[in-house]
């Protein structure tokens, strides 16, 4: 009997107080794709279920920075999440990726992709595209770690 084995994946996370965007690498870890937007209160449970389906080898979390390269006020919320993530997944490494301008780039990506104006107002769509941009930036810059 043939047994299918999940392939290694990197998960991109755009953490927010209300919603968290999730993206996933392809099996070759070349491309990031938006997956879903999850209510933040359910994010750890969602990631645990995802970990049962996929072999997660790394998390890449967007980290909010100011223009002076110092963490923004929102970084405190991400820091709390990072502690929860490490507690739930102690053996999976976490990388931080500067998330400045990802929302702007996500909106631009939706426009360029032909998404209608009403659909672009869906913040959940922007969150998961932002997660994909965060992950893609990481993979493009650090192919040896991906």
C-alpha atoms as a PDB file:
ATOM      1  CA  UNK A   1       0.000   0.000   0.000  1.00  0.00           C
ATOM      2  CA  UNK A   2       1.351   3.422  -1.005  1.00  0.00           C
ATOM      3  CA  UNK A   3       1.512   5.969   1.817  1.00  0.00           C
ATOM      4  CA  UNK A   4       1.524   9.646   0.953  1.00  0.00           C
ATOM      5  CA  UNK A   5       3.899  11.755   3.003  1.00  0.00           C
ATOM      6  CA  UNK A   6       3.442  15.461   3.438  1.00  0.00           C
ATOM      7  CA  UNK A   7       6.191  17.665   2.083  1.00  0.00           C
ATOM      8  CA  UNK A   8       8.098  20.277   4.034  1.00  0.00           C
ATOM      9  CA  UNK A   9       6.500  23.715   4.038  1.00  0.00           C
ATOM     10  CA  UNK A  10       7.275  27.161   5.383  1.00  0.00           C
ATOM     11  CA  UNK A  11       4.326  29.046   6.836  1.00  0.00           C
ATOM     12  CA  UNK A  12       4.062  32.825   6.517  1.00  0.00           C
ATOM     13  CA  UNK A  13       2.093  34.714   9.155  1.00  0.00           C
ATOM     14  CA  UNK A  14       0.730  38.261   9.077  1.00  0.00           C
ATOM     15  CA  UNK A  15      -0.371  38.609  12.696  1.00  0.00           C
ATOM     16  CA  UNK A  16      -3.095  41.064  13.634  1.00  0.00           C
ATOM     17  CA  UNK A  17      -5.179  41.740  16.738  1.00  0.00           C
ATOM     18  CA  UNK A  18      -8.400  40.579  15.041  1.00  0.00           C
ATOM     19  CA  UNK A  19      -7.314  38.550  12.012  1.00  0.00           C
ATOM     20  CA  UNK A  20      -4.161  36.716  11.040  1.00  0.00           C
ATOM     21  CA  UNK A  21      -3.235  35.994   7.450  1.00  0.00           C
ATOM     22  CA  UNK A  22      -1.638  32.654   6.618  1.00  0.00           C
ATOM     23  CA  UNK A  23       0.478  31.741   3.590  1.00  0.00           C
ATOM     24  CA  UNK A  24       2.344  28.577   2.657  1.00  0.00           C
ATOM     25  CA  UNK A  25       5.348  27.761   0.515  1.00  0.00           C
ATOM     26  CA  UNK A  26       5.145  25.372  -2.385  1.00  0.00           C
ATOM     27  CA  UNK A  27       6.921  21.993  -1.956  1.00  0.00           C
ATOM     28  CA  UNK A  28      10.123  23.359  -3.518  1.00  0.00           C
ATOM     29  CA  UNK A  29       9.975  26.452  -1.268  1.00  0.00           C
ATOM     30  CA  UNK A  30      10.166  28.812  -4.207  1.00  0.00           C
ATOM     31  CA  UNK A  31       6.729  30.419  -4.145  1.00  0.00           C
ATOM     32  CA  UNK A  32       4.412  31.642  -1.404  1.00  0.00           C
ATOM     33  CA  UNK A  33       0.651  31.344  -1.775  1.00  0.00           C
ATOM     34  CA  UNK A  34      -2.066  32.916   0.353  1.00  0.00           C
ATOM     35  CA  UNK A  35      -3.954  30.223   2.261  1.00  0.00           C
ATOM     36  CA  UNK A  36      -6.477  31.676   4.676  1.00  0.00           C
ATOM     37  CA  UNK A  37      -7.282  34.398   7.144  1.00  0.00           C
ATOM     38  CA  UNK A  38      -8.030  33.137  10.654  1.00  0.00           C
ATOM     39  CA  UNK A  39      -9.533  34.865  13.658  1.00  0.00           C
ATOM     40  CA  UNK A  40      -6.524  35.626  15.845  1.00  0.00           C
ATOM     41  CA  UNK A  41      -8.124  34.015  18.891  1.00  0.00           C
ATOM     42  CA  UNK A  42      -7.998  30.692  16.971  1.00  0.00           C
ATOM     43  CA  UNK A  43      -4.565  31.009  15.380  1.00  0.00           C
ATOM     44  CA  UNK A  44      -2.616  28.498  17.481  1.00  0.00           C
ATOM     45  CA  UNK A  45      -5.327  25.834  17.094  1.00  0.00           C
ATOM     46  CA  UNK A  46      -5.418  26.502  13.345  1.00  0.00           C
ATOM     47  CA  UNK A  47      -1.642  26.111  13.081  1.00  0.00           C
ATOM     48  CA  UNK A  48      -1.745  22.868  15.090  1.00  0.00           C
ATOM     49  CA  UNK A  49      -4.317  21.426  12.659  1.00  0.00           C
ATOM     50  CA  UNK A  50      -2.258  22.632   9.724  1.00  0.00           C
ATOM     51  CA  UNK A  51       0.791  20.951  11.280  1.00  0.00           C
ATOM     52  CA  UNK A  52      -1.087  17.642  11.268  1.00  0.00           C
ATOM     53  CA  UNK A  53      -1.621  17.968   7.503  1.00  0.00           C
ATOM     54  CA  UNK A  54       1.694  19.498   6.475  1.00  0.00           C
ATOM     55  CA  UNK A  55       5.291  19.148   7.620  1.00  0.00           C
ATOM     56  CA  UNK A  56       6.018  22.675   8.876  1.00  0.00           C
ATOM     57  CA  UNK A  57       9.762  23.346   8.937  1.00  0.00           C
ATOM     58  CA  UNK A  58       9.701  27.092   9.695  1.00  0.00           C
ATOM     59  CA  UNK A  59       7.390  29.958  10.530  1.00  0.00           C
ATOM     60  CA  UNK A  60       8.050  33.393   9.043  1.00  0.00           C
ATOM     61  CA  UNK A  61       6.233  36.063  11.029  1.00  0.00           C
ATOM     62  CA  UNK A  62       5.789  39.625   9.850  1.00  0.00           C
ATOM     63  CA  UNK A  63       7.268  42.025  12.377  1.00  0.00           C
ATOM     64  CA  UNK A  64       6.004  45.626  12.450  1.00  0.00           C
ATOM     65  CA  UNK A  65       8.797  48.183  12.208  1.00  0.00           C
ATOM     66  CA  UNK A  66       8.833  51.968  12.058  1.00  0.00           C
ATOM     67  CA  UNK A  67      10.701  53.920   9.426  1.00  0.00           C
ATOM     68  CA  UNK A  68      13.601  54.364  11.893  1.00  0.00           C
ATOM     69  CA  UNK A  69      14.019  50.552  11.984  1.00  0.00           C
ATOM     70  CA  UNK A  70      12.683  50.306  15.533  1.00  0.00           C
ATOM     71  CA  UNK A  71       9.722  48.088  16.424  1.00  0.00           C
ATOM     72  CA  UNK A  72       6.357  49.825  16.155  1.00  0.00           C
ATOM     73  CA  UNK A  73       3.714  49.843  18.891  1.00  0.00           C
ATOM     74  CA  UNK A  74       2.084  46.801  17.288  1.00  0.00           C
ATOM     75  CA  UNK A  75       5.289  44.812  17.846  1.00  0.00           C
ATOM     76  CA  UNK A  76       4.275  44.223  21.474  1.00  0.00           C
ATOM     77  CA  UNK A  77       1.258  42.205  20.282  1.00  0.00           C
ATOM     78  CA  UNK A  78       3.449  40.215  17.905  1.00  0.00           C
ATOM     79  CA  UNK A  79       5.910  39.540  20.741  1.00  0.00           C
ATOM     80  CA  UNK A  80       3.102  37.988  22.805  1.00  0.00           C
ATOM     81  CA  UNK A  81       2.106  35.857  19.819  1.00  0.00           C
ATOM     82  CA  UNK A  82       5.722  34.777  19.273  1.00  0.00           C
ATOM     83  CA  UNK A  83       5.851  33.440  22.844  1.00  0.00           C
ATOM     84  CA  UNK A  84       2.636  31.473  22.245  1.00  0.00           C
ATOM     85  CA  UNK A  85       3.978  30.152  18.948  1.00  0.00           C
ATOM     86  CA  UNK A  86       7.250  29.012  20.522  1.00  0.00           C
ATOM     87  CA  UNK A  87       5.381  27.314  23.360  1.00  0.00           C
ATOM     88  CA  UNK A  88       3.071  25.469  20.948  1.00  0.00           C
ATOM     89  CA  UNK A  89       5.845  24.591  18.446  1.00  0.00           C
ATOM     90  CA  UNK A  90       9.139  24.506  20.378  1.00  0.00           C
ATOM     91  CA  UNK A  91      10.993  22.558  17.669  1.00  0.00           C
ATOM     92  CA  UNK A  92      10.042  24.720  14.695  1.00  0.00           C
ATOM     93  CA  UNK A  93      12.267  27.743  14.038  1.00  0.00           C
ATOM     94  CA  UNK A  94      10.699  31.179  13.679  1.00  0.00           C
ATOM     95  CA  UNK A  95      12.095  33.933  11.494  1.00  0.00           C
ATOM     96  CA  UNK A  96      10.960  37.543  11.616  1.00  0.00           C
ATOM     97  CA  UNK A  97      10.430  39.536   8.444  1.00  0.00           C
ATOM     98  CA  UNK A  98       9.956  43.297   8.271  1.00  0.00           C
ATOM     99  CA  UNK A  99       6.328  43.822   7.312  1.00  0.00           C
ATOM    100  CA  UNK A 100       6.494  47.517   6.442  1.00  0.00           C
ATOM    101  CA  UNK A 101       4.407  48.296   3.381  1.00  0.00           C
ATOM    102  CA  UNK A 102       3.038  44.753   3.023  1.00  0.00           C
ATOM    103  CA  UNK A 103      -0.575  45.958   3.241  1.00  0.00           C
ATOM    104  CA  UNK A 104       0.084  48.562   0.551  1.00  0.00           C
ATOM    105  CA  UNK A 105       1.798  45.965  -1.623  1.00  0.00           C
ATOM    106  CA  UNK A 106      -1.030  43.483  -0.984  1.00  0.00           C
ATOM    107  CA  UNK A 107      -3.594  46.044  -2.168  1.00  0.00           C
ATOM    108  CA  UNK A 108      -1.476  46.716  -5.256  1.00  0.00           C
ATOM    109  CA  UNK A 109      -1.206  42.989  -5.915  1.00  0.00           C
ATOM    110  CA  UNK A 110      -4.990  42.619  -5.735  1.00  0.00           C
ATOM    111  CA  UNK A 111      -5.455  45.546  -8.131  1.00  0.00           C
ATOM    112  CA  UNK A 112      -2.852  44.172 -10.534  1.00  0.00           C
ATOM    113  CA  UNK A 113      -4.551  40.781 -10.320  1.00  0.00           C
ATOM    114  CA  UNK A 114      -7.818  42.289 -11.532  1.00  0.00           C
ATOM    115  CA  UNK A 115      -9.698  41.959  -8.244  1.00  0.00           C
ATOM    116  CA  UNK A 116     -12.757  44.233  -8.267  1.00  0.00           C
ATOM    117  CA  UNK A 117     -12.925  47.236  -5.924  1.00  0.00           C
ATOM    118  CA  UNK A 118     -15.581  45.746  -3.631  1.00  0.00           C
ATOM    119  CA  UNK A 119     -13.595  42.521  -3.225  1.00  0.00           C
ATOM    120  CA  UNK A 120     -10.431  44.506  -2.418  1.00  0.00           C
ATOM    121  CA  UNK A 121     -12.232  45.998   0.586  1.00  0.00           C
ATOM    122  CA  UNK A 122     -12.224  42.537   2.156  1.00  0.00           C
ATOM    123  CA  UNK A 123      -9.526  42.947   4.802  1.00  0.00           C
ATOM    124  CA  UNK A 124      -9.234  39.175   5.147  1.00  0.00           C
ATOM    125  CA  UNK A 125      -8.063  38.947   1.521  1.00  0.00           C
ATOM    126  CA  UNK A 126      -5.469  41.654   2.160  1.00  0.00           C
ATOM    127  CA  UNK A 127      -4.229  39.837   5.295  1.00  0.00           C
ATOM    128  CA  UNK A 128      -3.561  36.543   3.535  1.00  0.00           C
ATOM    129  CA  UNK A 129      -1.919  38.263   0.564  1.00  0.00           C
ATOM    130  CA  UNK A 130       0.236  40.201   3.054  1.00  0.00           C
ATOM    131  CA  UNK A 131       1.260  36.884   4.644  1.00  0.00           C
ATOM    132  CA  UNK A 132       2.262  35.605   1.200  1.00  0.00           C
ATOM    133  CA  UNK A 133       4.332  38.746   0.549  1.00  0.00           C
ATOM    134  CA  UNK A 134       6.073  38.364   3.920  1.00  0.00           C
ATOM    135  CA  UNK A 135       6.885  34.731   3.171  1.00  0.00           C
ATOM    136  CA  UNK A 136       7.964  35.411  -0.422  1.00  0.00           C
ATOM    137  CA  UNK A 137      10.307  38.183   0.738  1.00  0.00           C
ATOM    138  CA  UNK A 138      11.913  35.784   3.198  1.00  0.00           C
ATOM    139  CA  UNK A 139      12.326  33.009   0.622  1.00  0.00           C
ATOM    140  CA  UNK A 140      13.707  35.372  -2.015  1.00  0.00           C
ATOM    141  CA  UNK A 141      16.282  36.788   0.378  1.00  0.00           C
ATOM    142  CA  UNK A 142      17.286  33.613   2.210  1.00  0.00           C
ATOM    143  CA  UNK A 143      17.018  30.649  -0.136  1.00  0.00           C
ATOM    144  CA  UNK A 144      19.555  28.705   1.940  1.00  0.00           C
ATOM    145  CA  UNK A 145      17.235  28.869   4.969  1.00  0.00           C
ATOM    146  CA  UNK A 146      14.038  28.100   3.077  1.00  0.00           C
END
